[in-house]
Amino acid sequence: MNTKIWIVATGLAVFLSGCSDEETHKYTEVTAFNFIQGTDKSVVVSFGENPQNHYSFAIRKKDIKTGNKLFSESKNNTNFAVFAELGDQTFIRSSSQETYAQLTVVDIDRKNQIATFKIKAQLMDLDSKALKKIDETTVKITGSKFTVLL
């Protein structure tokens, strides 16, 4: 391959990957923990900067299906949970504040072991009662963490 073409192609590939709307998180973890009440098994997916600064959602394993959307105003849907630990602050959904959470299972690719979720929420700080908005973010789970999901 001509050196100039190779350099241009490589530069274009790097540029296009930088324009991707996919988000990467320094910290992702999947824990097989039955956080949601009931007999169905659930998992907790955490993502963010590190174990001290992260967002999490809990979802029943049976609900991890491509296209599944879960929504909760205040705390009216207990089939899933969204919460955050940011430093010394804990954020949750609340029935006494205008909180919400939305979780979408975008894709479950069993062959390549990639699960893609989108999440957005407005949560309340347990202590100050201040609201914290989580803009829509994409979370990808791969490899050995993927196997914990299912």
C-alpha atoms as a PDB file:
ATOM      1  CA  MET A   1       0.000   0.000   0.000  1.00  0.00           C
ATOM      2  CA  ASN A   2       1.228   3.464  -0.809  1.00  0.00           C
ATOM      3  CA  THR A   3       2.601   5.189   2.323  1.00  0.00           C
ATOM      4  CA  LYS A   4       0.562   8.365   1.744  1.00  0.00           C
ATOM      5  CA  ILE A   5      -2.662   6.380   1.378  1.00  0.00           C
ATOM      6  CA  TRP A   6      -1.861   4.417   4.521  1.00  0.00           C
ATOM      7  CA  ILE A   7      -1.209   7.603   6.531  1.00  0.00           C
ATOM      8  CA  VAL A   8      -4.411   9.251   5.277  1.00  0.00           C
ATOM      9  CA  ALA A   9      -6.463   6.092   5.952  1.00  0.00           C
ATOM     10  CA  THR A  10      -5.023   5.733   9.453  1.00  0.00           C
ATOM     11  CA  GLY A  11      -5.633   9.413  10.219  1.00  0.00           C
ATOM     12  CA  LEU A  12      -9.212   9.159   8.974  1.00  0.00           C
ATOM     13  CA  ALA A  13      -9.851   6.078  11.097  1.00  0.00           C
ATOM     14  CA  VAL A  14      -8.503   7.835  14.216  1.00  0.00           C
ATOM     15  CA  PHE A  15     -10.560  10.950  13.440  1.00  0.00           C
ATOM     16  CA  LEU A  16     -13.769   8.980  12.932  1.00  0.00           C
ATOM     17  CA  SER A  17     -13.294   6.989  16.119  1.00  0.00           C
ATOM     18  CA  GLY A  18     -12.875  10.271  17.988  1.00  0.00           C
ATOM     19  CA  CYS A  19     -16.229  11.444  16.589  1.00  0.00           C
ATOM     20  CA  SER A  20     -18.081   8.420  17.912  1.00  0.00           C
ATOM     21  CA  ASP A  21     -20.947   9.112  20.299  1.00  0.00           C
ATOM     22  CA  GLU A  22     -20.081   6.006  22.293  1.00  0.00           C
ATOM     23  CA  GLU A  23     -18.935   6.762  25.795  1.00  0.00           C
ATOM     24  CA  THR A  24     -16.242   4.898  27.614  1.00  0.00           C
ATOM     25  CA  HIS A  25     -16.059   4.613  31.352  1.00  0.00           C
ATOM     26  CA  LYS A  26     -12.831   4.030  33.242  1.00  0.00           C
ATOM     27  CA  TYR A  27     -14.662   1.801  35.699  1.00  0.00           C
ATOM     28  CA  THR A  28     -17.286  -0.831  34.884  1.00  0.00           C
ATOM     29  CA  GLU A  29     -18.351  -3.696  37.075  1.00  0.00           C
ATOM     30  CA  VAL A  30     -21.124  -6.286  36.975  1.00  0.00           C
ATOM     31  CA  THR A  31     -22.123  -7.992  40.200  1.00  0.00           C
ATOM     32  CA  ALA A  32     -24.520 -10.914  40.479  1.00  0.00           C
ATOM     33  CA  PHE A  33     -26.338  -9.444  43.462  1.00  0.00           C
ATOM     34  CA  ASN A  34     -30.085  -9.757  44.014  1.00  0.00           C
ATOM     35  CA  PHE A  35     -30.671  -6.083  44.742  1.00  0.00           C
ATOM     36  CA  ILE A  36     -34.257  -6.144  43.479  1.00  0.00           C
ATOM     37  CA  GLN A  37     -36.818  -7.804  45.729  1.00  0.00           C
ATOM     38  CA  GLY A  38     -38.502 -10.939  44.468  1.00  0.00           C
ATOM     39  CA  THR A  39     -37.540 -14.407  43.363  1.00  0.00           C
ATOM     40  CA  ASP A  40     -35.999 -13.433  40.017  1.00  0.00           C
ATOM     41  CA  LYS A  41     -32.216 -13.084  39.881  1.00  0.00           C
ATOM     42  CA  SER A  42     -30.802  -9.627  39.238  1.00  0.00           C
ATOM     43  CA  VAL A  43     -27.451  -7.982  38.560  1.00  0.00           C
ATOM     44  CA  VAL A  44     -25.965  -4.612  39.432  1.00  0.00           C
ATOM     45  CA  VAL A  45     -24.032  -2.764  36.717  1.00  0.00           C
ATOM     46  CA  SER A  46     -21.744   0.024  37.919  1.00  0.00           C
ATOM     47  CA  PHE A  47     -19.903   2.496  35.700  1.00  0.00           C
ATOM     48  CA  GLY A  48     -17.993   5.750  36.064  1.00  0.00           C
ATOM     49  CA  GLU A  49     -14.619   7.033  37.181  1.00  0.00           C
ATOM     50  CA  ASN A  50     -13.808   4.498  39.916  1.00  0.00           C
ATOM     51  CA  PRO A  51     -15.454   2.508  42.756  1.00  0.00           C
ATOM     52  CA  GLN A  52     -15.837   5.730  44.792  1.00  0.00           C
ATOM     53  CA  ASN A  53     -17.385   7.780  41.940  1.00  0.00           C
ATOM     54  CA  HIS A  54     -19.853   5.723  39.955  1.00  0.00           C
ATOM     55  CA  TYR A  55     -23.421   5.291  38.831  1.00  0.00           C
ATOM     56  CA  SER A  56     -25.229   1.968  39.059  1.00  0.00           C
ATOM     57  CA  PHE A  57     -28.348   0.254  37.898  1.00  0.00           C
ATOM     58  CA  ALA A  58     -29.900  -3.001  38.998  1.00  0.00           C
ATOM     59  CA  ILE A  59     -31.917  -5.047  36.545  1.00  0.00           C
ATOM     60  CA  ARG A  60     -33.511  -8.470  36.632  1.00  0.00           C
ATOM     61  CA  LYS A  61     -31.730 -10.945  34.396  1.00  0.00           C
ATOM     62  CA  LYS A  62     -35.028 -11.839  32.711  1.00  0.00           C
ATOM     63  CA  ASP A  63     -35.391  -8.158  31.651  1.00  0.00           C
ATOM     64  CA  ILE A  64     -32.040  -8.054  29.840  1.00  0.00           C
ATOM     65  CA  LYS A  65     -33.457  -8.342  26.332  1.00  0.00           C
ATOM     66  CA  THR A  66     -32.716  -6.183  23.292  1.00  0.00           C
ATOM     67  CA  GLY A  67     -35.212  -3.342  23.038  1.00  0.00           C
ATOM     68  CA  ASN A  68     -36.511  -3.596  26.594  1.00  0.00           C
ATOM     69  CA  LYS A  69     -37.221  -0.159  28.125  1.00  0.00           C
ATOM     70  CA  LEU A  70     -37.778   0.458  31.810  1.00  0.00           C
ATOM     71  CA  PHE A  71     -39.033   3.790  33.150  1.00  0.00           C
ATOM     72  CA  SER A  72     -39.868   5.079  36.610  1.00  0.00           C
ATOM     73  CA  GLU A  73     -41.283   8.406  37.754  1.00  0.00           C
ATOM     74  CA  SER A  74     -40.336   9.059  41.351  1.00  0.00           C
ATOM     75  CA  LYS A  75     -40.166   5.484  42.600  1.00  0.00           C
ATOM     76  CA  ASN A  76     -43.270   3.956  41.038  1.00  0.00           C
ATOM     77  CA  ASN A  77     -41.464   1.132  39.186  1.00  0.00           C
ATOM     78  CA  THR A  78     -39.577  -1.176  41.532  1.00  0.00           C
ATOM     79  CA  ASN A  79     -38.627  -3.627  38.764  1.00  0.00           C
ATOM     80  CA  PHE A  80     -35.247  -1.879  38.419  1.00  0.00           C
ATOM     81  CA  ALA A  81     -33.114   0.571  40.344  1.00  0.00           C
ATOM     82  CA  VAL A  82     -30.761   3.426  39.482  1.00  0.00           C
ATOM     83  CA  PHE A  83     -28.465   5.023  42.038  1.00  0.00           C
ATOM     84  CA  ALA A  84     -25.093   6.727  42.373  1.00  0.00           C
ATOM     85  CA  GLU A  85     -22.184   6.981  44.791  1.00  0.00           C
ATOM     86  CA  LEU A  86     -20.268  10.176  44.069  1.00  0.00           C
ATOM     87  CA  GLY A  87     -17.625  10.727  46.711  1.00  0.00           C
ATOM     88  CA  ASP A  88     -19.478  10.922  50.013  1.00  0.00           C
ATOM     89  CA  GLN A  89     -22.877  11.544  48.395  1.00  0.00           C
ATOM     90  CA  THR A  90     -25.487   8.896  47.663  1.00  0.00           C
ATOM     91  CA  PHE A  91     -28.162   9.578  45.050  1.00  0.00           C
ATOM     92  CA  ILE A  92     -31.383   7.554  44.706  1.00  0.00           C
ATOM     93  CA  ARG A  93     -34.866   7.693  43.245  1.00  0.00           C
ATOM     94  CA  SER A  94     -37.382   9.141  45.650  1.00  0.00           C
ATOM     95  CA  SER A  95     -41.149   9.092  46.005  1.00  0.00           C
ATOM     96  CA  SER A  96     -41.039  12.505  47.717  1.00  0.00           C
ATOM     97  CA  GLN A  97     -39.112  14.344  44.951  1.00  0.00           C
ATOM     98  CA  GLU A  98     -39.417  14.715  41.181  1.00  0.00           C
ATOM     99  CA  THR A  99     -36.982  11.958  40.316  1.00  0.00           C
ATOM    100  CA  TYR A 100     -37.016   9.586  37.366  1.00  0.00           C
ATOM    101  CA  ALA A 101     -34.948   6.886  35.759  1.00  0.00           C
ATOM    102  CA  GLN A 102     -34.931   5.400  32.291  1.00  0.00           C
ATOM    103  CA  LEU A 103     -32.996   2.308  31.271  1.00  0.00           C
ATOM    104  CA  THR A 104     -32.937   0.864  27.766  1.00  0.00           C
ATOM    105  CA  VAL A 105     -31.369  -2.433  26.752  1.00  0.00           C
ATOM    106  CA  VAL A 106     -30.073  -1.313  23.355  1.00  0.00           C
ATOM    107  CA  ASP A 107     -28.465  -4.570  22.266  1.00  0.00           C
ATOM    108  CA  ILE A 108     -27.415  -7.963  23.583  1.00  0.00           C
ATOM    109  CA  ASP A 109     -24.840  -9.474  21.223  1.00  0.00           C
ATOM    110  CA  ARG A 110     -24.243 -12.988  22.558  1.00  0.00           C
ATOM    111  CA  LYS A 111     -21.835 -13.922  19.762  1.00  0.00           C
ATOM    112  CA  ASN A 112     -19.413 -11.037  20.463  1.00  0.00           C
ATOM    113  CA  GLN A 113     -20.327 -10.835  24.165  1.00  0.00           C
ATOM    114  CA  ILE A 114     -21.300  -7.161  24.152  1.00  0.00           C
ATOM    115  CA  ALA A 115     -24.267  -5.707  26.013  1.00  0.00           C
ATOM    116  CA  THR A 116     -25.213  -2.091  25.345  1.00  0.00           C
ATOM    117  CA  PHE A 117     -27.422  -0.079  27.681  1.00  0.00           C
ATOM    118  CA  LYS A 118     -28.561   3.560  27.695  1.00  0.00           C
ATOM    119  CA  ILE A 119     -29.449   5.227  30.949  1.00  0.00           C
ATOM    120  CA  LYS A 120     -30.640   8.632  32.058  1.00  0.00           C
ATOM    121  CA  ALA A 121     -32.051   9.779  35.353  1.00  0.00           C
ATOM    122  CA  GLN A 122     -32.644  12.485  37.879  1.00  0.00           C
ATOM    123  CA  LEU A 123     -31.813  11.324  41.378  1.00  0.00           C
ATOM    124  CA  MET A 124     -31.957  12.835  44.862  1.00  0.00           C
ATOM    125  CA  ASP A 125     -29.079  13.183  47.341  1.00  0.00           C
ATOM    126  CA  LEU A 126     -29.984  11.324  50.526  1.00  0.00           C
ATOM    127  CA  ASP A 127     -28.606  14.033  52.822  1.00  0.00           C
ATOM    128  CA  SER A 128     -29.219  17.394  51.160  1.00  0.00           C
ATOM    129  CA  LYS A 129     -32.263  16.330  49.073  1.00  0.00           C
ATOM    130  CA  ALA A 130     -30.622  18.126  46.105  1.00  0.00           C
ATOM    131  CA  LEU A 131     -31.379  16.715  42.662  1.00  0.00           C
ATOM    132  CA  LYS A 132     -28.695  15.357  40.330  1.00  0.00           C
ATOM    133  CA  LYS A 133     -29.392  14.879  36.622  1.00  0.00           C
ATOM    134  CA  ILE A 134     -27.664  12.090  34.721  1.00  0.00           C
ATOM    135  CA  ASP A 135     -27.656  12.914  31.021  1.00  0.00           C
ATOM    136  CA  GLU A 136     -28.193   9.977  28.685  1.00  0.00           C
ATOM    137  CA  THR A 137     -25.110   7.821  28.695  1.00  0.00           C
ATOM    138  CA  THR A 138     -24.202   4.587  26.959  1.00  0.00           C
ATOM    139  CA  VAL A 139     -22.787   1.693  28.956  1.00  0.00           C
ATOM    140  CA  LYS A 140     -21.108  -1.266  27.226  1.00  0.00           C
ATOM    141  CA  ILE A 141     -20.377  -4.501  29.032  1.00  0.00           C
ATOM    142  CA  THR A 142     -17.987  -6.980  27.419  1.00  0.00           C
ATOM    143  CA  GLY A 143     -16.005 -10.139  28.044  1.00  0.00           C
ATOM    144  CA  SER A 144     -16.185 -11.869  31.415  1.00  0.00           C
ATOM    145  CA  LYS A 145     -18.445  -9.110  32.757  1.00  0.00           C
ATOM    146  CA  PHE A 146     -20.914  -9.929  29.971  1.00  0.00           C
ATOM    147  CA  THR A 147     -21.220 -13.521  31.174  1.00  0.00           C
ATOM    148  CA  VAL A 148     -22.326 -12.313  34.633  1.00  0.00           C
ATOM    149  CA  LEU A 149     -25.275 -10.469  33.032  1.00  0.00           C
ATOM    150  CA  LEU A 150     -26.883 -13.604  31.659  1.00  0.00           C
END
